[in-house]
Amino acid sequence: MKIVVYGAGVMAQYVKESVINSGNEFVGFVDPLGNGDFKNLKENNVHFDAIIDFSYFSLLEDVLEAGINKKVPVLIATTGHSEAQIKEIEEASKKIPIIKATNTSVGVNIVNEIVAFATRLLKDFDIEIVEKHHNRKIDAPSGTANTLLEIVKENLDNDGKDYRIVYGREGHSKRVEKEIGVHSIRGGNIVGEHTVIYAKNDEIIEIKHEALSRKMFSDGAVKATEFLFGKKAGLYTMKDVLGL
């Protein structure tokens, strides 16, 4: 399979390595700033069988257009998309197979399942979500933290509608009973760490995932792209890829 990668940053370099190591063919990087092999795919007659997007949410339209024009699957691993952009992805998935993944790590997606189960058992515990990333990350909270928040809410009574979401804390008011805290830390070269904390009285339960290398994300991205190849149009998830 010939794979083209949107983006030319550190993560994209890992993806190139994973594509080659998986026995697939790396076609090149697409970067409008000129840091890749192509500034765009409109003006270049490039043959490819799939797209992996690790660029910026602002390039979404270019990514989707390239996928639709070539009728090839697209893995979108970029985060920070607006609600309007999410709808664009949903519309595009009626024409081509797409995965929109906030995290392509196998471990993180298994943690998502564990958090869903734990939340159903620990509804009366205080719940907090903490994520840590390097100082160059643009969006906060991370896409993975937002996914964890949605999973927590879905597994609370009334789908969490009775809960207040608090992003960080300051001031002098105490934590209320039905509240979920979400906290973002940015510093150094932290690859990625996500923790869901359940606390009540004298006990604390933590579910944590720590990324030690970006390679886990790139390997997962290639695995997901291989899953998409040959699939009919539709919006798939990492759960489909992993059979969860």
C-alpha atoms as a PDB file:
ATOM      1  CA  MET A   1       0.000   0.000   0.000  1.00  0.00           C
ATOM      2  CA  LYS A   2       1.311   3.463  -0.927  1.00  0.00           C
ATOM      3  CA  ILE A   3       0.785   5.920   1.928  1.00  0.00           C
ATOM      4  CA  VAL A   4       1.113   9.711   1.839  1.00  0.00           C
ATOM      5  CA  VAL A   5       1.480  11.631   5.103  1.00  0.00           C
ATOM      6  CA  TYR A   6       0.076  15.107   5.777  1.00  0.00           C
ATOM      7  CA  GLY A   7       2.448  17.017   8.024  1.00  0.00           C
ATOM      8  CA  ALA A   8       6.229  17.174   8.197  1.00  0.00           C
ATOM      9  CA  GLY A   9       6.885  17.535  11.912  1.00  0.00           C
ATOM     10  CA  VAL A  10       8.357  15.150  14.456  1.00  0.00           C
ATOM     11  CA  MET A  11       5.285  12.915  14.519  1.00  0.00           C
ATOM     12  CA  ALA A  12       5.217  12.656  10.745  1.00  0.00           C
ATOM     13  CA  GLN A  13       8.812  11.416  10.773  1.00  0.00           C
ATOM     14  CA  TYR A  14       7.816   8.612  13.116  1.00  0.00           C
ATOM     15  CA  VAL A  15       4.932   7.740  10.800  1.00  0.00           C
ATOM     16  CA  LYS A  16       7.316   7.494   7.852  1.00  0.00           C
ATOM     17  CA  GLU A  17       9.438   5.016   9.801  1.00  0.00           C
ATOM     18  CA  SER A  18       6.402   2.957  10.807  1.00  0.00           C
ATOM     19  CA  VAL A  19       5.089   2.902   7.227  1.00  0.00           C
ATOM     20  CA  ILE A  20       8.396   1.566   5.934  1.00  0.00           C
ATOM     21  CA  ASN A  21       8.837  -0.934   8.782  1.00  0.00           C
ATOM     22  CA  SER A  22       5.343  -2.308   8.161  1.00  0.00           C
ATOM     23  CA  GLY A  23       6.246  -3.220   4.585  1.00  0.00           C
ATOM     24  CA  ASN A  24       4.148  -0.451   3.045  1.00  0.00           C
ATOM     25  CA  GLU A  25       5.492   2.227   0.701  1.00  0.00           C
ATOM     26  CA  PHE A  26       6.030   5.779   1.942  1.00  0.00           C
ATOM     27  CA  VAL A  27       5.088   8.247  -0.823  1.00  0.00           C
ATOM     28  CA  GLY A  28       6.044  11.535   0.825  1.00  0.00           C
ATOM     29  CA  PHE A  29       5.115  14.343   3.195  1.00  0.00           C
ATOM     30  CA  VAL A  30       2.570  17.016   2.295  1.00  0.00           C
ATOM     31  CA  ASP A  31       3.254  20.380   3.921  1.00  0.00           C
ATOM     32  CA  PRO A  32       1.979  23.755   2.628  1.00  0.00           C
ATOM     33  CA  LEU A  33       4.924  25.550   4.255  1.00  0.00           C
ATOM     34  CA  GLY A  34       7.345  23.732   1.993  1.00  0.00           C
ATOM     35  CA  ASN A  35       8.916  21.485   4.617  1.00  0.00           C
ATOM     36  CA  GLY A  36       7.729  18.276   2.954  1.00  0.00           C
ATOM     37  CA  ASP A  37       7.938  16.604  -0.435  1.00  0.00           C
ATOM     38  CA  PHE A  38       4.766  18.312  -1.708  1.00  0.00           C
ATOM     39  CA  LYS A  39       3.112  21.613  -0.797  1.00  0.00           C
ATOM     40  CA  ASN A  40      -0.219  20.122  -1.846  1.00  0.00           C
ATOM     41  CA  LEU A  41      -1.604  17.217  -3.844  1.00  0.00           C
ATOM     42  CA  LYS A  42      -3.669  19.317  -6.263  1.00  0.00           C
ATOM     43  CA  GLU A  43      -0.744  20.359  -8.419  1.00  0.00           C
ATOM     44  CA  ASN A  44       1.135  17.055  -8.235  1.00  0.00           C
ATOM     45  CA  ASN A  45       0.195  13.863 -10.038  1.00  0.00           C
ATOM     46  CA  VAL A  46       0.948  11.587  -7.095  1.00  0.00           C
ATOM     47  CA  HIS A  47      -0.318   8.023  -6.793  1.00  0.00           C
ATOM     48  CA  PHE A  48      -1.229   6.846  -3.307  1.00  0.00           C
ATOM     49  CA  ASP A  49      -3.609   4.356  -1.705  1.00  0.00           C
ATOM     50  CA  ALA A  50      -4.200   6.021   1.662  1.00  0.00           C
ATOM     51  CA  ILE A  51      -3.631   9.213   3.652  1.00  0.00           C
ATOM     52  CA  ILE A  52      -2.403   9.566   7.228  1.00  0.00           C
ATOM     53  CA  ASP A  53      -2.983  13.049   8.645  1.00  0.00           C
ATOM     54  CA  PHE A  54      -0.696  14.255  11.434  1.00  0.00           C
ATOM     55  CA  SER A  55      -0.722  17.912  10.401  1.00  0.00           C
ATOM     56  CA  TYR A  56      -2.923  20.772  11.667  1.00  0.00           C
ATOM     57  CA  PHE A  57      -6.694  20.994  11.963  1.00  0.00           C
ATOM     58  CA  SER A  58      -6.597  23.993   9.587  1.00  0.00           C
ATOM     59  CA  LEU A  59      -5.619  21.625   6.741  1.00  0.00           C
ATOM     60  CA  LEU A  60      -8.678  19.417   7.139  1.00  0.00           C
ATOM     61  CA  GLU A  61     -10.371  20.515   3.912  1.00  0.00           C
ATOM     62  CA  ASP A  62      -7.223  19.778   1.889  1.00  0.00           C
ATOM     63  CA  VAL A  63      -6.898  16.351   3.492  1.00  0.00           C
ATOM     64  CA  LEU A  64     -10.531  15.408   2.861  1.00  0.00           C
ATOM     65  CA  GLU A  65     -10.471  16.772  -0.697  1.00  0.00           C
ATOM     66  CA  ALA A  66      -7.372  14.708  -1.524  1.00  0.00           C
ATOM     67  CA  GLY A  67      -8.967  11.573  -0.117  1.00  0.00           C
ATOM     68  CA  ILE A  68     -12.255  12.075  -1.938  1.00  0.00           C
ATOM     69  CA  ASN A  69     -10.594  12.961  -5.259  1.00  0.00           C
ATOM     70  CA  LYS A  70      -8.488   9.793  -5.176  1.00  0.00           C
ATOM     71  CA  LYS A  71     -11.216   7.714  -3.499  1.00  0.00           C
ATOM     72  CA  VAL A  72      -8.769   6.475  -0.863  1.00  0.00           C
ATOM     73  CA  PRO A  73      -9.133   5.968   2.920  1.00  0.00           C
ATOM     74  CA  VAL A  74      -8.052   8.688   5.328  1.00  0.00           C
ATOM     75  CA  LEU A  75      -6.807   8.385   8.902  1.00  0.00           C
ATOM     76  CA  ILE A  76      -7.151  11.710  10.728  1.00  0.00           C
ATOM     77  CA  ALA A  77      -4.923  11.722  13.797  1.00  0.00           C
ATOM     78  CA  THR A  78      -4.844  15.514  14.138  1.00  0.00           C
ATOM     79  CA  THR A  79      -6.795  17.008  17.045  1.00  0.00           C
ATOM     80  CA  GLY A  80      -8.333  20.401  17.818  1.00  0.00           C
ATOM     81  CA  HIS A  81     -11.077  20.305  15.162  1.00  0.00           C
ATOM     82  CA  SER A  82     -14.145  22.493  15.584  1.00  0.00           C
ATOM     83  CA  GLU A  83     -17.688  21.119  15.630  1.00  0.00           C
ATOM     84  CA  ALA A  84     -18.145  22.364  12.073  1.00  0.00           C
ATOM     85  CA  GLN A  85     -15.042  20.460  10.989  1.00  0.00           C
ATOM     86  CA  ILE A  86     -16.277  17.298  12.697  1.00  0.00           C
ATOM     87  CA  LYS A  87     -19.425  17.592  10.573  1.00  0.00           C
ATOM     88  CA  GLU A  88     -17.240  17.940   7.468  1.00  0.00           C
ATOM     89  CA  ILE A  89     -15.532  14.685   8.404  1.00  0.00           C
ATOM     90  CA  GLU A  90     -18.889  12.976   8.880  1.00  0.00           C
ATOM     91  CA  GLU A  91     -20.051  14.174   5.451  1.00  0.00           C
ATOM     92  CA  ALA A  92     -16.811  13.036   3.792  1.00  0.00           C
ATOM     93  CA  SER A  93     -17.168   9.594   5.389  1.00  0.00           C
ATOM     94  CA  LYS A  94     -20.241   9.045   3.221  1.00  0.00           C
ATOM     95  CA  LYS A  95     -17.868   8.959   0.249  1.00  0.00           C
ATOM     96  CA  ILE A  96     -14.676   7.347   1.603  1.00  0.00           C
ATOM     97  CA  PRO A  97     -13.638   5.290   4.655  1.00  0.00           C
ATOM     98  CA  ILE A  98     -12.317   7.505   7.468  1.00  0.00           C
ATOM     99  CA  ILE A  99     -11.033   7.082  10.985  1.00  0.00           C
ATOM    100  CA  LYS A 100     -10.994  10.173  13.212  1.00  0.00           C
ATOM    101  CA  ALA A 101      -8.762   9.179  16.131  1.00  0.00           C
ATOM    102  CA  THR A 102      -7.817  11.426  19.036  1.00  0.00           C
ATOM    103  CA  ASN A 103      -5.191   8.820  19.915  1.00  0.00           C
ATOM    104  CA  THR A 104      -3.881   5.944  17.765  1.00  0.00           C
ATOM    105  CA  SER A 105      -2.159   4.118  20.626  1.00  0.00           C
ATOM    106  CA  VAL A 106      -3.412   0.584  21.235  1.00  0.00           C
ATOM    107  CA  GLY A 107      -2.940   1.048  24.991  1.00  0.00           C
ATOM    108  CA  VAL A 108      -4.902   4.299  25.195  1.00  0.00           C
ATOM    109  CA  ASN A 109      -7.857   2.785  23.398  1.00  0.00           C
ATOM    110  CA  ILE A 110      -7.850  -0.143  25.823  1.00  0.00           C
ATOM    111  CA  VAL A 111      -7.678   2.348  28.716  1.00  0.00           C
ATOM    112  CA  ASN A 112     -10.794   4.004  27.275  1.00  0.00           C
ATOM    113  CA  GLU A 113     -12.654   0.711  27.730  1.00  0.00           C
ATOM    114  CA  ILE A 114     -11.329   0.313  31.281  1.00  0.00           C
ATOM    115  CA  VAL A 115     -12.421   3.859  32.168  1.00  0.00           C
ATOM    116  CA  ALA A 116     -15.929   3.189  30.836  1.00  0.00           C
ATOM    117  CA  PHE A 117     -16.225   0.095  33.047  1.00  0.00           C
ATOM    118  CA  ALA A 118     -14.675   1.766  36.102  1.00  0.00           C
ATOM    119  CA  THR A 119     -16.923   4.829  35.857  1.00  0.00           C
ATOM    120  CA  ARG A 120     -20.050   2.675  35.953  1.00  0.00           C
ATOM    121  CA  LEU A 121     -18.783   1.122  39.206  1.00  0.00           C
ATOM    122  CA  LEU A 122     -17.495   4.347  40.772  1.00  0.00           C
ATOM    123  CA  LYS A 123     -20.262   6.839  40.012  1.00  0.00           C
ATOM    124  CA  ASP A 124     -20.313   8.182  43.564  1.00  0.00           C
ATOM    125  CA  PHE A 125     -16.570   8.956  43.571  1.00  0.00           C
ATOM    126  CA  ASP A 126     -15.078  12.351  42.773  1.00  0.00           C
ATOM    127  CA  ILE A 127     -13.663  12.151  39.227  1.00  0.00           C
ATOM    128  CA  GLU A 128     -10.753  14.179  37.874  1.00  0.00           C
ATOM    129  CA  ILE A 129      -8.890  13.939  34.550  1.00  0.00           C
ATOM    130  CA  VAL A 130      -5.280  15.102  34.281  1.00  0.00           C
ATOM    131  CA  GLU A 131      -3.255  15.221  31.068  1.00  0.00           C
ATOM    132  CA  LYS A 132       0.386  16.187  30.499  1.00  0.00           C
ATOM    133  CA  HIS A 133       2.116  17.048  27.228  1.00  0.00           C
ATOM    134  CA  HIS A 134       5.171  18.802  25.838  1.00  0.00           C
ATOM    135  CA  ASN A 135       5.324  22.585  25.730  1.00  0.00           C
ATOM    136  CA  ARG A 136       4.724  22.733  21.963  1.00  0.00           C
ATOM    137  CA  LYS A 137       1.244  21.204  22.003  1.00  0.00           C
ATOM    138  CA  ILE A 138      -1.337  23.666  20.740  1.00  0.00           C
ATOM    139  CA  ASP A 139      -4.714  22.392  21.939  1.00  0.00           C
ATOM    140  CA  ALA A 140      -5.764  21.973  25.561  1.00  0.00           C
ATOM    141  CA  PRO A 141      -7.245  19.800  26.884  1.00  0.00           C
ATOM    142  CA  SER A 142      -5.770  17.162  24.609  1.00  0.00           C
ATOM    143  CA  GLY A 143      -7.997  15.255  22.231  1.00  0.00           C
ATOM    144  CA  THR A 144      -7.439  12.138  24.333  1.00  0.00           C
ATOM    145  CA  ALA A 145      -8.493  13.946  27.513  1.00  0.00           C
ATOM    146  CA  ASN A 146     -11.653  15.150  25.785  1.00  0.00           C
ATOM    147  CA  THR A 147     -12.370  11.598  24.692  1.00  0.00           C
ATOM    148  CA  LEU A 148     -11.887  10.354  28.257  1.00  0.00           C
ATOM    149  CA  LEU A 149     -14.247  13.067  29.483  1.00  0.00           C
ATOM    150  CA  GLU A 150     -16.923  11.994  27.021  1.00  0.00           C
ATOM    151  CA  ILE A 151     -16.483   8.346  28.065  1.00  0.00           C
ATOM    152  CA  VAL A 152     -16.834   9.291  31.737  1.00  0.00           C
ATOM    153  CA  LYS A 153     -19.972  11.332  31.063  1.00  0.00           C
ATOM    154  CA  GLU A 154     -21.540   8.575  28.942  1.00  0.00           C
ATOM    155  CA  ASN A 155     -21.166   6.117  31.798  1.00  0.00           C
ATOM    156  CA  LEU A 156     -22.651   8.308  34.522  1.00  0.00           C
ATOM    157  CA  ASP A 157     -26.354   8.540  35.281  1.00  0.00           C
ATOM    158  CA  ASN A 158     -28.260  10.651  32.761  1.00  0.00           C
ATOM    159  CA  ASP A 159     -25.138  10.597  30.553  1.00  0.00           C
ATOM    160  CA  GLY A 160     -23.455  13.023  32.896  1.00  0.00           C
ATOM    161  CA  LYS A 161     -25.875  15.848  32.082  1.00  0.00           C
ATOM    162  CA  ASP A 162     -26.212  16.647  35.794  1.00  0.00           C
ATOM    163  CA  TYR A 163     -22.470  17.164  36.155  1.00  0.00           C
ATOM    164  CA  ARG A 164     -20.540  20.407  35.912  1.00  0.00           C
ATOM    165  CA  ILE A 165     -17.258  20.318  33.979  1.00  0.00           C
ATOM    166  CA  VAL A 166     -14.476  22.444  35.469  1.00  0.00           C
ATOM    167  CA  TYR A 167     -11.327  23.143  33.445  1.00  0.00           C
ATOM    168  CA  GLY A 168      -8.606  23.916  35.963  1.00  0.00           C
ATOM    169  CA  ARG A 169      -9.365  25.604  39.255  1.00  0.00           C
ATOM    170  CA  GLU A 170      -8.806  28.941  40.909  1.00  0.00           C
ATOM    171  CA  GLY A 171     -10.525  31.068  43.498  1.00  0.00           C
ATOM    172  CA  HIS A 172     -12.015  30.077  46.856  1.00  0.00           C
ATOM    173  CA  SER A 173     -15.009  27.838  46.140  1.00  0.00           C
ATOM    174  CA  LYS A 174     -14.908  24.184  47.145  1.00  0.00           C
ATOM    175  CA  ARG A 175     -15.511  21.276  44.801  1.00  0.00           C
ATOM    176  CA  VAL A 176     -19.205  20.451  44.397  1.00  0.00           C
ATOM    177  CA  GLU A 177     -20.541  16.899  44.488  1.00  0.00           C
ATOM    178  CA  LYS A 178     -21.398  16.442  40.812  1.00  0.00           C
ATOM    179  CA  GLU A 179     -18.352  17.899  39.200  1.00  0.00           C
ATOM    180  CA  ILE A 180     -15.681  16.580  36.837  1.00  0.00           C
ATOM    181  CA  GLY A 181     -12.332  18.343  36.804  1.00  0.00           C
ATOM    182  CA  VAL A 182     -10.136  18.451  33.703  1.00  0.00           C
ATOM    183  CA  HIS A 183      -6.555  19.691  33.986  1.00  0.00           C
ATOM    184  CA  SER A 184      -3.836  20.294  31.390  1.00  0.00           C
ATOM    185  CA  ILE A 185      -0.108  20.448  32.076  1.00  0.00           C
ATOM    186  CA  ARG A 186       2.426  21.604  29.477  1.00  0.00           C
ATOM    187  CA  GLY A 187       6.164  21.279  29.917  1.00  0.00           C
ATOM    188  CA  GLY A 188       9.422  20.074  28.418  1.00  0.00           C
ATOM    189  CA  ASN A 189       9.257  17.056  26.126  1.00  0.00           C
ATOM    190  CA  ILE A 190       6.490  15.078  27.826  1.00  0.00           C
ATOM    191  CA  VAL A 191       5.234  12.725  25.115  1.00  0.00           C
ATOM    192  CA  GLY A 192       1.823  12.232  26.694  1.00  0.00           C
ATOM    193  CA  GLU A 193       0.330  11.150  29.999  1.00  0.00           C
ATOM    194  CA  HIS A 194      -3.342  10.749  30.889  1.00  0.00           C
ATOM    195  CA  THR A 195      -4.790   9.893  34.281  1.00  0.00           C
ATOM    196  CA  VAL A 196      -8.366   9.454  35.455  1.00  0.00           C
ATOM    197  CA  ILE A 197      -8.627   9.787  39.230  1.00  0.00           C
ATOM    198  CA  TYR A 198     -11.505   8.388  41.300  1.00  0.00           C
ATOM    199  CA  ALA A 199     -11.436   9.555  44.939  1.00  0.00           C
ATOM    200  CA  LYS A 200     -13.792   9.010  47.871  1.00  0.00           C
ATOM    201  CA  ASN A 201     -13.231   9.275  51.596  1.00  0.00           C
ATOM    202  CA  ASP A 202      -9.953   7.501  52.352  1.00  0.00           C
ATOM    203  CA  GLU A 203      -9.259   5.773  49.017  1.00  0.00           C
ATOM    204  CA  ILE A 204      -8.040   6.752  45.580  1.00  0.00           C
ATOM    205  CA  ILE A 205      -8.123   4.758  42.344  1.00  0.00           C
ATOM    206  CA  GLU A 206      -6.091   5.945  39.364  1.00  0.00           C
ATOM    207  CA  ILE A 207      -6.203   4.697  35.788  1.00  0.00           C
ATOM    208  CA  LYS A 208      -3.155   5.972  33.973  1.00  0.00           C
ATOM    209  CA  HIS A 209      -1.500   5.708  30.580  1.00  0.00           C
ATOM    210  CA  GLU A 210       1.949   7.112  29.881  1.00  0.00           C
ATOM    211  CA  ALA A 211       3.523   7.311  26.435  1.00  0.00           C
ATOM    212  CA  LEU A 212       7.286   6.749  26.488  1.00  0.00           C
ATOM    213  CA  SER A 213       7.757   7.274  22.755  1.00  0.00           C
ATOM    214  CA  ARG A 214       5.812   8.664  19.805  1.00  0.00           C
ATOM    215  CA  LYS A 215       6.451   5.366  17.994  1.00  0.00           C
ATOM    216  CA  MET A 216       3.394   3.823  19.642  1.00  0.00           C
ATOM    217  CA  PHE A 217       1.221   6.465  17.955  1.00  0.00           C
ATOM    218  CA  SER A 218       2.790   6.000  14.520  1.00  0.00           C
ATOM    219  CA  ASP A 219       2.600   2.194  14.677  1.00  0.00           C
ATOM    220  CA  GLY A 220      -1.059   2.448  15.684  1.00  0.00           C
ATOM    221  CA  ALA A 221      -1.735   4.896  12.853  1.00  0.00           C
ATOM    222  CA  VAL A 222      -0.333   2.494  10.263  1.00  0.00           C
ATOM    223  CA  LYS A 223      -2.312  -0.385  11.782  1.00  0.00           C
ATOM    224  CA  ALA A 224      -5.499   1.692  11.513  1.00  0.00           C
ATOM    225  CA  THR A 225      -4.733   2.678   7.917  1.00  0.00           C
ATOM    226  CA  GLU A 226      -4.213  -0.963   6.956  1.00  0.00           C
ATOM    227  CA  PHE A 227      -7.601  -1.714   8.536  1.00  0.00           C
ATOM    228  CA  LEU A 228      -9.271   0.975   6.385  1.00  0.00           C
ATOM    229  CA  PHE A 229      -7.806  -0.256   3.119  1.00  0.00           C
ATOM    230  CA  GLY A 230     -10.536  -1.957   1.089  1.00  0.00           C
ATOM    231  CA  LYS A 231     -13.321  -0.921   3.479  1.00  0.00           C
ATOM    232  CA  LYS A 232     -16.509   0.681   2.200  1.00  0.00           C
ATOM    233  CA  ALA A 233     -17.228   4.352   2.899  1.00  0.00           C
ATOM    234  CA  GLY A 234     -18.000   5.096   6.527  1.00  0.00           C
ATOM    235  CA  LEU A 235     -16.737   6.634   9.750  1.00  0.00           C
ATOM    236  CA  TYR A 236     -14.773   4.028  11.682  1.00  0.00           C
ATOM    237  CA  THR A 237     -13.028   4.167  15.081  1.00  0.00           C
ATOM    238  CA  MET A 238      -9.972   2.672  16.733  1.00  0.00           C
ATOM    239  CA  LYS A 239     -12.381   0.330  18.507  1.00  0.00           C
ATOM    240  CA  ASP A 240     -13.186  -1.148  15.100  1.00  0.00           C
ATOM    241  CA  VAL A 241      -9.487  -1.516  14.376  1.00  0.00           C
ATOM    242  CA  LEU A 242      -8.795  -3.307  17.670  1.00  0.00           C
ATOM    243  CA  GLY A 243     -12.019  -5.318  17.741  1.00  0.00           C
ATOM    244  CA  LEU A 244     -13.078  -3.797  21.067  1.00  0.00           C
END
